[in-house]
Amino acid sequence: MEEEQFDEIISSLGMIETNTAWITITHNELEQANQRLHNLEMVMLDNNKLLKRLVELLEKKK
């Protein structure tokens, strides 16, 4: 009986370690995705500024 319980505990510890590693990887992936979204937002803001400037120049040219 004790050996069975010992095996269960070892198995549970392995599952905890696996789950912790998965959570860490998932967290890191989310951080990377968040950074990419932030970078994309910055690019979109820059593009928006450029488009506004282009419209201003085109309106002046009329």
N, C-alpha and C. Protein backbone atom coordinates (compact mmCIF):
# COMPACT_ATOMS: atom_id res chain seq x y z
N MET A 1 0.83 -1.20 0.00
CA MET A 1 0.00 0.00 0.00
C MET A 1 0.87 1.26 0.00
N GLU A 2 1.91 1.28 0.84
CA GLU A 2 2.79 2.45 0.91
C GLU A 2 3.50 2.70 -0.41
N GLU A 3 3.92 1.61 -1.05
CA GLU A 3 4.62 1.74 -2.34
C GLU A 3 3.67 2.33 -3.39
N GLU A 4 2.41 1.91 -3.35
CA GLU A 4 1.41 2.43 -4.28
C GLU A 4 1.21 3.93 -4.08
N GLN A 5 1.12 4.34 -2.82
CA GLN A 5 0.95 5.76 -2.50
C GLN A 5 2.18 6.56 -2.93
N PHE A 6 3.35 5.96 -2.69
CA PHE A 6 4.60 6.61 -3.10
C PHE A 6 4.60 6.83 -4.62
N ASP A 7 4.21 5.81 -5.37
CA ASP A 7 4.15 5.92 -6.83
C ASP A 7 3.15 6.99 -7.26
N GLU A 8 2.02 7.07 -6.56
CA GLU A 8 1.02 8.10 -6.89
C GLU A 8 1.58 9.50 -6.65
N ILE A 9 2.28 9.65 -5.55
CA ILE A 9 2.87 10.96 -5.23
C ILE A 9 3.91 11.34 -6.28
N ILE A 10 4.76 10.41 -6.64
CA ILE A 10 5.79 10.66 -7.66
C ILE A 10 5.13 11.02 -8.98
N SER A 11 4.08 10.29 -9.33
CA SER A 11 3.35 10.56 -10.57
C SER A 11 2.73 11.95 -10.53
N SER A 12 2.14 12.31 -9.39
CA SER A 12 1.52 13.64 -9.24
C SER A 12 2.56 14.74 -9.35
N LEU A 13 3.73 14.51 -8.74
CA LEU A 13 4.80 15.51 -8.82
C LEU A 13 5.26 15.70 -10.27
N GLY A 14 5.32 14.60 -11.00
CA GLY A 14 5.68 14.69 -12.42
C GLY A 14 4.66 15.51 -13.20
N MET A 15 3.39 15.30 -12.90
CA MET A 15 2.32 16.05 -13.57
C MET A 15 2.42 17.55 -13.21
N ILE A 16 2.71 17.83 -11.95
CA ILE A 16 2.85 19.23 -11.53
C ILE A 16 4.01 19.88 -12.28
N GLU A 17 5.12 19.17 -12.38
CA GLU A 17 6.28 19.71 -13.09
C GLU A 17 5.95 19.95 -14.57
N THR A 18 5.26 18.99 -15.19
CA THR A 18 4.86 19.12 -16.59
C THR A 18 3.93 20.32 -16.78
N ASN A 19 2.94 20.43 -15.89
CA ASN A 19 1.99 21.54 -15.98
C ASN A 19 2.67 22.88 -15.76
N THR A 20 3.61 22.94 -14.83
CA THR A 20 4.34 24.18 -14.57
C THR A 20 5.15 24.58 -15.79
N ALA A 21 5.80 23.61 -16.42
CA ALA A 21 6.58 23.91 -17.63
C ALA A 21 5.66 24.40 -18.74
N TRP A 22 4.50 23.78 -18.89
CA TRP A 22 3.54 24.19 -19.93
C TRP A 22 3.05 25.62 -19.66
N ILE A 23 2.73 25.91 -18.40
CA ILE A 23 2.26 27.26 -18.05
C ILE A 23 3.36 28.28 -18.33
N THR A 24 4.59 27.95 -18.02
CA THR A 24 5.71 28.86 -18.27
C THR A 24 5.85 29.13 -19.76
N ILE A 25 5.79 28.08 -20.56
CA ILE A 25 5.90 28.24 -22.02
C ILE A 25 4.74 29.09 -22.53
N THR A 26 3.53 28.77 -22.06
CA THR A 26 2.35 29.51 -22.50
C THR A 26 2.47 30.98 -22.11
N HIS A 27 2.94 31.25 -20.91
CA HIS A 27 3.12 32.63 -20.45
C HIS A 27 4.13 33.35 -21.34
N ASN A 28 5.24 32.69 -21.64
CA ASN A 28 6.26 33.30 -22.50
C ASN A 28 5.71 33.58 -23.90
N GLU A 29 4.93 32.64 -24.42
CA GLU A 29 4.33 32.84 -25.75
C GLU A 29 3.36 34.01 -25.73
N LEU A 30 2.59 34.13 -24.65
CA LEU A 30 1.66 35.26 -24.53
C LEU A 30 2.41 36.58 -24.45
N GLU A 31 3.51 36.60 -23.72
CA GLU A 31 4.33 37.81 -23.62
C GLU A 31 4.87 38.20 -25.01
N GLN A 32 5.34 37.21 -25.75
CA GLN A 32 5.86 37.48 -27.09
C GLN A 32 4.76 37.97 -28.02
N ALA A 33 3.60 37.35 -27.94
CA ALA A 33 2.47 37.77 -28.77
C ALA A 33 2.05 39.19 -28.41
N ASN A 34 2.05 39.50 -27.13
CA ASN A 34 1.70 40.84 -26.67
C ASN A 34 2.69 41.87 -27.21
N GLN A 35 3.97 41.53 -27.21
CA GLN A 35 5.00 42.43 -27.74
C GLN A 35 4.80 42.64 -29.24
N ARG A 36 4.49 41.56 -29.96
CA ARG A 36 4.25 41.69 -31.40
C ARG A 36 3.03 42.57 -31.68
N LEU A 37 1.97 42.42 -30.87
CA LEU A 37 0.80 43.27 -31.03
C LEU A 37 1.14 44.73 -30.77
N HIS A 38 1.94 44.97 -29.75
CA HIS A 38 2.36 46.33 -29.44
C HIS A 38 3.17 46.92 -30.61
N ASN A 39 4.08 46.12 -31.15
CA ASN A 39 4.87 46.58 -32.30
C ASN A 39 3.98 46.89 -33.50
N LEU A 40 3.00 46.03 -33.73
CA LEU A 40 2.07 46.24 -34.83
C LEU A 40 1.27 47.53 -34.62
N GLU A 41 0.87 47.77 -33.39
CA GLU A 41 0.13 48.99 -33.07
C GLU A 41 0.98 50.23 -33.37
N MET A 42 2.26 50.17 -33.03
CA MET A 42 3.16 51.29 -33.29
C MET A 42 3.30 51.53 -34.80
N VAL A 43 3.43 50.45 -35.55
CA VAL A 43 3.54 50.56 -37.01
C VAL A 43 2.25 51.17 -37.58
N MET A 44 1.11 50.72 -37.07
CA MET A 44 -0.17 51.24 -37.57
C MET A 44 -0.31 52.74 -37.24
N LEU A 45 0.13 53.14 -36.06
CA LEU A 45 0.08 54.56 -35.71
C LEU A 45 0.98 55.38 -36.63
N ASP A 46 2.17 54.85 -36.91
CA ASP A 46 3.09 55.53 -37.82
C ASP A 46 2.47 55.64 -39.22
N ASN A 47 1.86 54.55 -39.68
CA ASN A 47 1.22 54.57 -41.00
C ASN A 47 0.08 55.58 -41.04
N ASN A 48 -0.67 55.65 -39.95
CA ASN A 48 -1.78 56.60 -39.87
C ASN A 48 -1.27 58.04 -39.98
N LYS A 49 -0.17 58.32 -39.28
CA LYS A 49 0.43 59.66 -39.35
C LYS A 49 0.89 59.98 -40.77
N LEU A 50 1.50 58.99 -41.41
CA LEU A 50 1.98 59.19 -42.78
C LEU A 50 0.81 59.42 -43.74
N LEU A 51 -0.26 58.68 -43.57
CA LEU A 51 -1.43 58.85 -44.43
C LEU A 51 -2.06 60.24 -44.23
N LYS A 52 -2.15 60.68 -42.99
CA LYS A 52 -2.69 62.01 -42.72
C LYS A 52 -1.82 63.08 -43.38
N ARG A 53 -0.51 62.91 -43.28
CA ARG A 53 0.41 63.88 -43.90
C ARG A 53 0.25 63.86 -45.43
N LEU A 54 0.09 62.68 -46.00
CA LEU A 54 -0.10 62.56 -47.44
C LEU A 54 -1.38 63.27 -47.87
N VAL A 55 -2.45 63.10 -47.11
CA VAL A 55 -3.72 63.78 -47.42
C VAL A 55 -3.53 65.29 -47.35
N GLU A 56 -2.82 65.77 -46.34
CA GLU A 56 -2.56 67.20 -46.22
C GLU A 56 -1.81 67.72 -47.45
N LEU A 57 -0.80 66.99 -47.86
CA LEU A 57 -0.01 67.43 -49.03
C LEU A 57 -0.86 67.41 -50.30
N LEU A 58 -1.68 66.37 -50.44
CA LEU A 58 -2.53 66.29 -51.63
C LEU A 58 -3.57 67.42 -51.64
N GLU A 59 -4.09 67.76 -50.50
CA GLU A 59 -5.08 68.85 -50.41
C GLU A 59 -4.43 70.19 -50.74
N LYS A 60 -3.18 70.39 -50.32
CA LYS A 60 -2.47 71.62 -50.62
C LYS A 60 -2.21 71.75 -52.13
N LYS A 61 -1.98 70.62 -52.76
CA LYS A 61 -1.64 70.60 -54.18
C LYS A 61 -2.84 70.99 -55.05
N LYS A 62 -4.07 70.79 -54.53
CA LYS A 62 -5.28 71.10 -55.31
C LYS A 62 -5.31 72.52 -55.71
